Every structure is written in structure tokens, then in C-alpha cells.
Amino acid sequence: MRPGKRRKLAKNSDLAKAEKIKAQVRAKVEHPFLTIKRIFGYSKVRYRGLAKNAERLHLLAGFTNLLKSKDHLLA
């Protein structure tokens, strides 16, 4: 929902609760892509072939998982 329409909703309405749940899921999905783009420099992709691009993306996703879980791994 667009921010202007969402702001007009009552705080405890069912639609507002649904929008909050969607925002939480969206945040969990989008944060790893921010890491891939900013830290690993994958914001611009040149064409290398679908297989090579897929392999690189899987590798970067694995590195992102390691970065996110390094506190748990080192404990």
C-alpha cells in the first residue's frame, strides 16, 4: 500500500496489521540484497552468461549468509 493511504488507516485495523506484516517480510527479503549490492559491488551486472551470473549470485548469497551469522559462528 502506498504510504499516504497507509497513514490514513486506523492503527488497529486489520488492513494496518496486514500492511505491517508485509513490511516485516519485505524487510527480511530486501536486506540481503542490500548487502550484496553495497558490500560486494554487485549493483551493476555485465552479461557473462546466465550460468556464470547465477553461480556468482549464489556465491554472494552464501557470503551474505556468513556475514549475517558471523556473531553466531564465532560464539
PDB file of N, CA and C in Angstrom:
ATOM      1  N   MET A   1       0.849  -1.167   0.000  1.00  0.00           N
ATOM      2  CA  MET A   1       0.000   0.000   0.000  1.00  0.00           C
ATOM      3  C   MET A   1       0.901   1.239   0.000  1.00  0.00           C
ATOM      4  N   ARG A   2       0.479   2.248  -0.660  1.00  0.00           N
ATOM      5  CA  ARG A   2       1.264   3.477  -0.744  1.00  0.00           C
ATOM      6  C   ARG A   2       1.269   4.187   0.608  1.00  0.00           C
ATOM      7  N   PRO A   3       2.350   4.887   0.939  1.00  0.00           N
ATOM      8  CA  PRO A   3       2.484   5.485   2.269  1.00  0.00           C
ATOM      9  C   PRO A   3       1.349   6.432   2.648  1.00  0.00           C
ATOM     10  N   GLY A   4       0.852   7.217   1.719  1.00  0.00           N
ATOM     11  CA  GLY A   4      -0.222   8.158   2.043  1.00  0.00           C
ATOM     12  C   GLY A   4      -1.503   7.457   2.446  1.00  0.00           C
ATOM     13  N   LYS A   5      -1.830   6.388   1.749  1.00  0.00           N
ATOM     14  CA  LYS A   5      -3.037   5.621   2.090  1.00  0.00           C
ATOM     15  C   LYS A   5      -2.842   4.849   3.391  1.00  0.00           C
ATOM     16  N   ARG A   6      -1.629   4.349   3.588  1.00  0.00           N
ATOM     17  CA  ARG A   6      -1.349   3.583   4.803  1.00  0.00           C
ATOM     18  C   ARG A   6      -1.421   4.464   6.038  1.00  0.00           C
ATOM     19  N   ARG A   7      -0.989   5.709   5.914  1.00  0.00           N
ATOM     20  CA  ARG A   7      -1.004   6.642   7.042  1.00  0.00           C
ATOM     21  C   ARG A   7      -2.430   6.958   7.485  1.00  0.00           C
ATOM     22  N   LYS A   8      -3.378   6.901   6.554  1.00  0.00           N
ATOM     23  CA  LYS A   8      -4.765   7.237   6.866  1.00  0.00           C
ATOM     24  C   LYS A   8      -5.511   6.097   7.568  1.00  0.00           C
ATOM     25  N   LEU A   9      -4.944   4.895   7.556  1.00  0.00           N
ATOM     26  CA  LEU A   9      -5.604   3.753   8.187  1.00  0.00           C
ATOM     27  C   LEU A   9      -5.604   3.906   9.705  1.00  0.00           C
ATOM     28  N   ALA A  10      -6.637   3.349  10.337  1.00  0.00           N
ATOM     29  CA  ALA A  10      -6.669   3.312  11.796  1.00  0.00           C
ATOM     30  C   ALA A  10      -5.558   2.383  12.291  1.00  0.00           C
ATOM     31  N   LYS A  11      -4.974   2.688  13.432  1.00  0.00           N
ATOM     32  CA  LYS A  11      -3.822   1.934  13.930  1.00  0.00           C
ATOM     33  C   LYS A  11      -4.126   0.454  14.161  1.00  0.00           C
ATOM     34  N   ASN A  12      -5.314   0.151  14.635  1.00  0.00           N
ATOM     35  CA  ASN A  12      -5.631  -1.233  14.993  1.00  0.00           C
ATOM     36  C   ASN A  12      -6.500  -1.937  13.964  1.00  0.00           C
ATOM     37  N   SER A  13      -6.625  -1.378  12.773  1.00  0.00           N
ATOM     38  CA  SER A  13      -7.468  -2.022  11.767  1.00  0.00           C
ATOM     39  C   SER A  13      -6.762  -3.254  11.200  1.00  0.00           C
ATOM     40  N   ASP A  14      -7.554  -4.126  10.606  1.00  0.00           N
ATOM     41  CA  ASP A  14      -6.996  -5.346  10.026  1.00  0.00           C
ATOM     42  C   ASP A  14      -6.065  -5.029   8.860  1.00  0.00           C
ATOM     43  N   LEU A  15      -6.415  -4.016   8.071  1.00  0.00           N
ATOM     44  CA  LEU A  15      -5.555  -3.640   6.955  1.00  0.00           C
ATOM     45  C   LEU A  15      -4.201  -3.119   7.436  1.00  0.00           C
ATOM     46  N   ALA A  16      -4.195  -2.356   8.506  1.00  0.00           N
ATOM     47  CA  ALA A  16      -2.938  -1.836   9.037  1.00  0.00           C
ATOM     48  C   ALA A  16      -2.059  -2.977   9.557  1.00  0.00           C
ATOM     49  N   LYS A  17      -2.675  -3.951  10.208  1.00  0.00           N
ATOM     50  CA  LYS A  17      -1.908  -5.105  10.695  1.00  0.00           C
ATOM     51  C   LYS A  17      -1.335  -5.915   9.535  1.00  0.00           C
ATOM     52  N   ALA A  18      -2.137  -6.078   8.468  1.00  0.00           N
ATOM     53  CA  ALA A  18      -1.663  -6.812   7.294  1.00  0.00           C
ATOM     54  C   ALA A  18      -0.508  -6.079   6.623  1.00  0.00           C
ATOM     55  N   GLU A  19      -0.584  -4.762   6.537  1.00  0.00           N
ATOM     56  CA  GLU A  19       0.493  -3.979   5.940  1.00  0.00           C
ATOM     57  C   GLU A  19       1.766  -4.068   6.771  1.00  0.00           C
ATOM     58  N   LYS A  20       1.629  -4.105   8.074  1.00  0.00           N
ATOM     59  CA  LYS A  20       2.814  -4.226   8.931  1.00  0.00           C
ATOM     60  C   LYS A  20       3.491  -5.575   8.733  1.00  0.00           C
ATOM     61  N   ILE A  21       2.708  -6.636   8.626  1.00  0.00           N
ATOM     62  CA  ILE A  21       3.271  -7.967   8.399  1.00  0.00           C
ATOM     63  C   ILE A  21       3.986  -8.014   7.056  1.00  0.00           C
ATOM     64  N   LYS A  22       3.368  -7.416   6.027  1.00  0.00           N
ATOM     65  CA  LYS A  22       4.005  -7.388   4.711  1.00  0.00           C
ATOM     66  C   LYS A  22       5.313  -6.609   4.749  1.00  0.00           C
ATOM     67  N   ALA A  23       5.346  -5.513   5.485  1.00  0.00           N
ATOM     68  CA  ALA A  23       6.560  -4.708   5.585  1.00  0.00           C
ATOM     69  C   ALA A  23       7.671  -5.480   6.298  1.00  0.00           C
ATOM     70  N   GLN A  24       7.326  -6.261   7.309  1.00  0.00           N
ATOM     71  CA  GLN A  24       8.329  -7.043   8.022  1.00  0.00           C
ATOM     72  C   GLN A  24       8.937  -8.109   7.115  1.00  0.00           C
ATOM     73  N   VAL A  25       8.084  -8.776   6.337  1.00  0.00           N
ATOM     74  CA  VAL A  25       8.576  -9.792   5.409  1.00  0.00           C
ATOM     75  C   VAL A  25       9.435  -9.142   4.337  1.00  0.00           C
ATOM     76  N   ARG A  26       8.992  -8.013   3.813  1.00  0.00           N
ATOM     77  CA  ARG A  26       9.732  -7.310   2.777  1.00  0.00           C
ATOM     78  C   ARG A  26      11.115  -6.896   3.283  1.00  0.00           C
ATOM     79  N   ALA A  27      11.197  -6.451   4.524  1.00  0.00           N
ATOM     80  CA  ALA A  27      12.484  -6.036   5.078  1.00  0.00           C
ATOM     81  C   ALA A  27      13.434  -7.223   5.193  1.00  0.00           C
ATOM     82  N   LYS A  28      12.936  -8.378   5.598  1.00  0.00           N
ATOM     83  CA  LYS A  28      13.786  -9.558   5.720  1.00  0.00           C
ATOM     84  C   LYS A  28      14.302 -10.022   4.359  1.00  0.00           C
ATOM     85  N   VAL A  29      13.499  -9.823   3.328  1.00  0.00           N
ATOM     86  CA  VAL A  29      13.898 -10.255   1.995  1.00  0.00           C
ATOM     87  C   VAL A  29      14.855  -9.258   1.353  1.00  0.00           C
ATOM     88  N   GLU A  30      14.652  -7.974   1.568  1.00  0.00           N
ATOM     89  CA  GLU A  30      15.429  -6.957   0.875  1.00  0.00           C
ATOM     90  C   GLU A  30      16.799  -6.691   1.496  1.00  0.00           C
ATOM     91  N   HIS A  31      16.990  -6.908   2.780  1.00  0.00           N
ATOM     92  CA  HIS A  31      18.274  -6.601   3.416  1.00  0.00           C
ATOM     93  C   HIS A  31      19.448  -7.406   2.854  1.00  0.00           C
ATOM     94  N   PRO A  32      19.297  -8.697   2.581  1.00  0.00           N
ATOM     95  CA  PRO A  32      20.431  -9.405   1.975  1.00  0.00           C
ATOM     96  C   PRO A  32      20.830  -8.843   0.608  1.00  0.00           C
ATOM     97  N   PHE A  33      19.862  -8.378  -0.167  1.00  0.00           N
ATOM     98  CA  PHE A  33      20.187  -7.803  -1.464  1.00  0.00           C
ATOM     99  C   PHE A  33      20.933  -6.485  -1.306  1.00  0.00           C
ATOM    100  N   LEU A  34      20.637  -5.736  -0.267  1.00  0.00           N
ATOM    101  CA  LEU A  34      21.397  -4.516   0.023  1.00  0.00           C
ATOM    102  C   LEU A  34      22.852  -4.862   0.301  1.00  0.00           C
ATOM    103  N   THR A  35      23.081  -5.916   1.064  1.00  0.00           N
ATOM    104  CA  THR A  35      24.441  -6.355   1.365  1.00  0.00           C
ATOM    105  C   THR A  35      25.167  -6.776   0.092  1.00  0.00           C
ATOM    106  N   ILE A  36      24.493  -7.527  -0.746  1.00  0.00           N
ATOM    107  CA  ILE A  36      25.109  -7.992  -1.988  1.00  0.00           C
ATOM    108  C   ILE A  36      25.469  -6.807  -2.874  1.00  0.00           C
ATOM    109  N   LYS A  37      24.593  -5.820  -2.939  1.00  0.00           N
ATOM    110  CA  LYS A  37      24.840  -4.689  -3.822  1.00  0.00           C
ATOM    111  C   LYS A  37      25.907  -3.744  -3.276  1.00  0.00           C
ATOM    112  N   ARG A  38      25.862  -3.449  -1.979  1.00  0.00           N
ATOM    113  CA  ARG A  38      26.768  -2.455  -1.419  1.00  0.00           C
ATOM    114  C   ARG A  38      28.140  -3.027  -1.073  1.00  0.00           C
ATOM    115  N   ILE A  39      28.184  -4.099  -0.335  1.00  0.00           N
ATOM    116  CA  ILE A  39      29.463  -4.627   0.141  1.00  0.00           C
ATOM    117  C   ILE A  39      30.221  -5.344  -0.976  1.00  0.00           C
ATOM    118  N   PHE A  40      29.501  -6.149  -1.768  1.00  0.00           N
ATOM    119  CA  PHE A  40      30.171  -6.940  -2.788  1.00  0.00           C
ATOM    120  C   PHE A  40      30.165  -6.279  -4.160  1.00  0.00           C
ATOM    121  N   GLY A  41      29.571  -5.094  -4.280  1.00  0.00           N
ATOM    122  CA  GLY A  41      29.630  -4.345  -5.527  1.00  0.00           C
ATOM    123  C   GLY A  41      28.886  -4.975  -6.679  1.00  0.00           C
ATOM    124  N   TYR A  42      27.776  -5.584  -6.429  1.00  0.00           N
ATOM    125  CA  TYR A  42      27.010  -6.254  -7.470  1.00  0.00           C
ATOM    126  C   TYR A  42      25.851  -5.377  -7.946  1.00  0.00           C
ATOM    127  N   SER A  43      26.015  -4.051  -7.890  1.00  0.00           N
ATOM    128  CA  SER A  43      24.919  -3.170  -8.293  1.00  0.00           C
ATOM    129  C   SER A  43      24.781  -3.112  -9.804  1.00  0.00           C
ATOM    130  N   LYS A  44      25.893  -3.227 -10.510  1.00  0.00           N
ATOM    131  CA  LYS A  44      25.839  -3.252 -11.972  1.00  0.00           C
ATOM    132  C   LYS A  44      26.364  -4.593 -12.434  1.00  0.00           C
ATOM    133  N   VAL A  45      25.587  -5.257 -13.237  1.00  0.00           N
ATOM    134  CA  VAL A  45      25.948  -6.594 -13.691  1.00  0.00           C
ATOM    135  C   VAL A  45      26.216  -6.534 -15.182  1.00  0.00           C
ATOM    136  N   ARG A  46      27.338  -7.047 -15.577  1.00  0.00           N
ATOM    137  CA  ARG A  46      27.555  -7.161 -17.013  1.00  0.00           C
ATOM    138  C   ARG A  46      27.194  -8.572 -17.419  1.00  0.00           C
ATOM    139  N   TYR A  47      26.827  -8.732 -18.640  1.00  0.00           N
ATOM    140  CA  TYR A  47      26.373 -10.026 -19.117  1.00  0.00           C
ATOM    141  C   TYR A  47      27.550 -10.978 -19.228  1.00  0.00           C
ATOM    142  N   ARG A  48      27.500 -12.072 -18.491  1.00  0.00           N
ATOM    143  CA  ARG A  48      28.545 -13.082 -18.536  1.00  0.00           C
ATOM    144  C   ARG A  48      27.977 -14.431 -18.965  1.00  0.00           C
ATOM    145  N   GLY A  49      26.713 -14.466 -19.226  1.00  0.00           N
ATOM    146  CA  GLY A  49      26.047 -15.732 -19.480  1.00  0.00           C
ATOM    147  C   GLY A  49      25.204 -16.070 -18.270  1.00  0.00           C
ATOM    148  N   LEU A  50      24.099 -16.706 -18.507  1.00  0.00           N
ATOM    149  CA  LEU A  50      23.164 -16.975 -17.411  1.00  0.00           C
ATOM    150  C   LEU A  50      23.773 -17.879 -16.349  1.00  0.00           C
ATOM    151  N   ALA A  51      24.540 -18.866 -16.760  1.00  0.00           N
ATOM    152  CA  ALA A  51      25.117 -19.796 -15.787  1.00  0.00           C
ATOM    153  C   ALA A  51      26.136 -19.091 -14.896  1.00  0.00           C
ATOM    154  N   LYS A  52      26.992 -18.256 -15.481  1.00  0.00           N
ATOM    155  CA  LYS A  52      28.005 -17.554 -14.683  1.00  0.00           C
ATOM    156  C   LYS A  52      27.367 -16.535 -13.750  1.00  0.00           C
ATOM    157  N   ASN A  53      26.345 -15.820 -14.223  1.00  0.00           N
ATOM    158  CA  ASN A  53      25.653 -14.868 -13.358  1.00  0.00           C
ATOM    159  C   ASN A  53      24.974 -15.588 -12.199  1.00  0.00           C
ATOM    160  N   ALA A  54      24.355 -16.726 -12.467  1.00  0.00           N
ATOM    161  CA  ALA A  54      23.680 -17.487 -11.416  1.00  0.00           C
ATOM    162  C   ALA A  54      24.683 -18.002 -10.398  1.00  0.00           C
ATOM    163  N   GLU A  55      25.817 -18.513 -10.878  1.00  0.00           N
ATOM    164  CA  GLU A  55      26.838 -19.006  -9.959  1.00  0.00           C
ATOM    165  C   GLU A  55      27.361 -17.890  -9.058  1.00  0.00           C
ATOM    166  N   ARG A  56      27.612 -16.722  -9.644  1.00  0.00           N
ATOM    167  CA  ARG A  56      28.127 -15.604  -8.857  1.00  0.00           C
ATOM    168  C   ARG A  56      27.098 -15.141  -7.829  1.00  0.00           C
ATOM    169  N   LEU A  57      25.840 -15.104  -8.220  1.00  0.00           N
ATOM    170  CA  LEU A  57      24.793 -14.684  -7.299  1.00  0.00           C
ATOM    171  C   LEU A  57      24.643 -15.673  -6.147  1.00  0.00           C
ATOM    172  N   HIS A  58      24.721 -16.973  -6.426  1.00  0.00           N
ATOM    173  CA  HIS A  58      24.644 -17.971  -5.365  1.00  0.00           C
ATOM    174  C   HIS A  58      25.832 -17.852  -4.412  1.00  0.00           C
ATOM    175  N   LEU A  59      27.004 -17.611  -4.955  1.00  0.00           N
ATOM    176  CA  LEU A  59      28.194 -17.435  -4.129  1.00  0.00           C
ATOM    177  C   LEU A  59      28.061 -16.210  -3.230  1.00  0.00           C
ATOM    178  N   LEU A  60      27.588 -15.097  -3.787  1.00  0.00           N
ATOM    179  CA  LEU A  60      27.422 -13.882  -2.995  1.00  0.00           C
ATOM    180  C   LEU A  60      26.331 -14.046  -1.940  1.00  0.00           C
ATOM    181  N   ALA A  61      25.285 -14.801  -2.254  1.00  0.00           N
ATOM    182  CA  ALA A  61      24.240 -15.064  -1.261  1.00  0.00           C
ATOM    183  C   ALA A  61      24.807 -15.883  -0.103  1.00  0.00           C
ATOM    184  N   GLY A  62      25.670 -16.837  -0.410  1.00  0.00           N
ATOM    185  CA  GLY A  62      26.319 -17.612   0.646  1.00  0.00           C
ATOM    186  C   GLY A  62      27.217 -16.753   1.520  1.00  0.00           C
ATOM    187  N   PHE A  63      27.990 -15.863   0.885  1.00  0.00           N
ATOM    188  CA  PHE A  63      28.840 -14.949   1.655  1.00  0.00           C
ATOM    189  C   PHE A  63      28.000 -14.028   2.531  1.00  0.00           C
ATOM    190  N   THR A  64      26.862 -13.592   2.000  1.00  0.00           N
ATOM    191  CA  THR A  64      25.977 -12.731   2.783  1.00  0.00           C
ATOM    192  C   THR A  64      25.455 -13.470   4.002  1.00  0.00           C
ATOM    193  N   ASN A  65      25.093 -14.734   3.832  1.00  0.00           N
ATOM    194  CA  ASN A  65      24.641 -15.528   4.968  1.00  0.00           C
ATOM    195  C   ASN A  65      25.742 -15.665   6.015  1.00  0.00           C
ATOM    196  N   LEU A  66      26.987 -15.843   5.562  1.00  0.00           N
ATOM    197  CA  LEU A  66      28.093 -15.937   6.510  1.00  0.00           C
ATOM    198  C   LEU A  66      28.299 -14.619   7.257  1.00  0.00           C
ATOM    199  N   LEU A  67      28.193 -13.499   6.543  1.00  0.00           N
ATOM    200  CA  LEU A  67      28.351 -12.206   7.206  1.00  0.00           C
ATOM    201  C   LEU A  67      27.250 -11.966   8.238  1.00  0.00           C
ATOM    202  N   LYS A  68      26.030 -12.343   7.899  1.00  0.00           N
ATOM    203  CA  LYS A  68      24.908 -12.119   8.817  1.00  0.00           C
ATOM    204  C   LYS A  68      25.005 -13.016  10.041  1.00  0.00           C
ATOM    205  N   SER A  69      25.606 -14.191   9.885  1.00  0.00           N
ATOM    206  CA  SER A  69      25.637 -15.139  11.001  1.00  0.00           C
ATOM    207  C   SER A  69      27.003 -15.236  11.652  1.00  0.00           C
ATOM    208  N   LYS A  70      27.922 -14.301  11.375  1.00  0.00           N
ATOM    209  CA  LYS A  70      29.268 -14.411  11.930  1.00  0.00           C
ATOM    210  C   LYS A  70      29.291 -14.308  13.451  1.00  0.00           C
ATOM    211  N   ASP A  71      28.381 -13.566  14.045  1.00  0.00           N
ATOM    212  CA  ASP A  71      28.336 -13.479  15.504  1.00  0.00           C
ATOM    213  C   ASP A  71      27.988 -14.833  16.124  1.00  0.00           C
ATOM    214  N   HIS A  72      27.087 -15.571  15.468  1.00  0.00           N
ATOM    215  CA  HIS A  72      26.692 -16.882  15.981  1.00  0.00           C
ATOM    216  C   HIS A  72      27.792 -17.915  15.743  1.00  0.00           C
ATOM    217  N   LEU A  73      28.508 -17.760  14.633  1.00  0.00           N
ATOM    218  CA  LEU A  73      29.563 -18.719  14.306  1.00  0.00           C
ATOM    219  C   LEU A  73      30.783 -18.552  15.211  1.00  0.00           C
ATOM    220  N   LEU A  74      31.094 -17.322  15.586  1.00  0.00           N
ATOM    221  CA  LEU A  74      32.281 -17.075  16.394  1.00  0.00           C
ATOM    222  C   LEU A  74      32.046 -17.265  17.893  1.00  0.00           C
ATOM    223  N   ALA A  75      30.803 -17.422  18.298  1.00  0.00           N
ATOM    224  CA  ALA A  75      30.481 -17.549  19.724  1.00  0.00           C
ATOM    225  C   ALA A  75      30.840 -18.900  20.271  1.00  0.00           C
TER     226      ALA A  75
END
